[in-house]
Protein backbone atom coordinates (compact mmCIF):
# COMPACT_ATOMS: atom_id res chain seq x y z
CA UNK A 1 -15.35 43.27 -61.63
CA UNK A 2 -17.32 40.11 -62.28
CA UNK A 3 -16.17 38.59 -59.26
CA UNK A 4 -17.60 41.22 -56.97
CA UNK A 5 -20.88 40.83 -58.81
CA UNK A 6 -21.01 37.38 -58.28
CA UNK A 7 -20.31 37.71 -54.56
CA UNK A 8 -23.17 40.39 -54.20
CA UNK A 9 -25.73 38.31 -55.95
CA UNK A 10 -24.82 35.20 -54.16
CA UNK A 11 -24.95 37.19 -50.74
CA UNK A 12 -28.16 38.58 -51.66
CA UNK A 13 -29.94 35.63 -52.67
CA UNK A 14 -28.39 32.88 -50.22
CA UNK A 15 -27.80 34.74 -47.07
CA UNK A 16 -24.77 32.33 -46.98
CA UNK A 17 -23.10 31.30 -43.49
CA UNK A 18 -20.04 30.91 -45.65
CA UNK A 19 -19.27 32.13 -49.24
CA UNK A 20 -16.11 31.90 -51.37
CA UNK A 21 -15.83 33.10 -54.70
CA UNK A 22 -12.63 32.09 -56.34
CA UNK A 23 -11.46 33.26 -59.82
CA UNK A 24 -9.52 30.22 -61.25
CA UNK A 25 -9.09 31.82 -64.82
CA UNK A 26 -5.48 31.94 -63.88
CA UNK A 27 -5.48 28.01 -64.10
CA UNK A 28 -6.55 28.30 -67.75
CA UNK A 29 -5.43 29.12 -71.17
CA UNK A 30 -6.76 32.66 -70.84
CA UNK A 31 -5.10 36.29 -70.94
CA UNK A 32 -3.69 37.51 -67.64
CA UNK A 33 -6.26 39.21 -65.62
CA UNK A 34 -9.32 37.27 -67.02
CA UNK A 35 -12.40 36.81 -64.99
CA UNK A 36 -14.03 33.84 -66.89
CA UNK A 37 -13.43 30.71 -64.75
CA UNK A 38 -14.86 30.68 -61.29
CA UNK A 39 -15.40 28.46 -58.23
CA UNK A 40 -18.10 29.18 -55.78
CA UNK A 41 -18.66 27.52 -52.37
CA UNK A 42 -22.05 28.28 -50.82
CA UNK A 43 -22.92 27.39 -47.13
CA UNK A 44 -26.77 28.28 -46.72
CA UNK A 45 -29.57 27.48 -44.52
CA UNK A 46 -31.88 27.67 -47.50
CA UNK A 47 -30.12 24.34 -48.79
CA UNK A 48 -31.61 22.28 -45.96
CA UNK A 49 -34.00 19.74 -47.45
CA UNK A 50 -32.75 20.71 -51.03
CA UNK A 51 -31.18 18.03 -53.47
CA UNK A 52 -27.80 19.01 -55.11
CA UNK A 53 -29.55 19.52 -58.25
CA UNK A 54 -31.81 21.84 -56.98
CA UNK A 55 -29.12 24.04 -55.16
CA UNK A 56 -27.05 24.15 -58.29
CA UNK A 57 -30.27 25.28 -60.38
CA UNK A 58 -30.59 27.92 -57.74
CA UNK A 59 -26.98 29.15 -58.05
CA UNK A 60 -27.35 29.10 -61.82
CA UNK A 61 -30.36 31.13 -61.64
CA UNK A 62 -28.88 33.71 -59.34
CA UNK A 63 -26.03 34.13 -61.91
CA UNK A 64 -28.10 33.62 -65.10
CA UNK A 65 -26.84 37.16 -66.63
CA UNK A 66 -23.17 36.33 -65.69
CA UNK A 67 -23.38 33.00 -67.09
CA UNK A 68 -24.92 33.95 -70.44
CA UNK A 69 -22.29 36.80 -71.10
CA UNK A 70 -19.35 36.50 -68.57
CA UNK A 71 -18.40 33.22 -67.21
CA UNK A 72 -17.03 30.51 -69.15
CA UNK A 73 -17.10 27.93 -66.36
CA UNK A 74 -18.39 27.72 -62.91
CA UNK A 75 -17.38 25.12 -60.33
CA UNK A 76 -20.47 24.93 -57.87
CA UNK A 77 -20.19 23.52 -54.27
CA UNK A 78 -23.21 24.00 -52.15
CA UNK A 79 -23.54 22.87 -48.49
CA UNK A 80 -25.93 23.02 -45.77
CA UNK A 81 -24.60 24.17 -42.45
CA UNK A 82 -24.24 20.57 -41.17
CA UNK A 83 -22.70 19.33 -44.08
CA UNK A 84 -20.11 22.16 -44.18
CA UNK A 85 -19.29 21.50 -40.40
CA UNK A 86 -18.58 17.65 -41.30
CA UNK A 87 -16.07 18.46 -43.97
CA UNK A 88 -12.32 18.34 -42.79
CA UNK A 89 -10.83 20.31 -45.44
CA UNK A 90 -13.72 22.33 -46.78
CA UNK A 91 -14.46 22.36 -50.49
CA UNK A 92 -12.53 20.13 -52.82
CA UNK A 93 -10.08 21.78 -54.98
CA UNK A 94 -10.40 22.40 -58.74
CA UNK A 95 -8.29 20.08 -61.02
CA UNK A 96 -5.63 21.51 -62.90
CA UNK A 97 -6.79 22.56 -66.46
CA UNK A 98 -5.48 20.26 -69.32
CA UNK A 99 -4.88 23.15 -71.59
CA UNK A 100 -7.74 22.46 -74.15
CA UNK A 101 -8.50 19.69 -76.40
CA UNK A 102 -5.98 17.26 -77.67
CA UNK A 103 -8.02 16.64 -80.72
CA UNK A 104 -6.20 16.66 -84.30
CA UNK A 105 -2.90 16.00 -82.70
């Protein structure tokens, strides 16, 4: 399963204090049981002093193989421990899928 591979890789690379990997494929126009759209929430001490772009690059690098072959969309939410503790409701929810392009209507 792709979700399990994502969890294993992020766990290994970031040693997170908190990790969520959510398969959001069901929110999109894909066949049931698909694993193509994911949201990851990673809280790691490795993000201390690292700008957001650097954090996202690190996640993208860790998941390069999956992004090249399996994952269509990846929502990335990265936090330091103090940033995570200051959040009231955790990471933001993903928006609902609009069902694709409206071009040509």
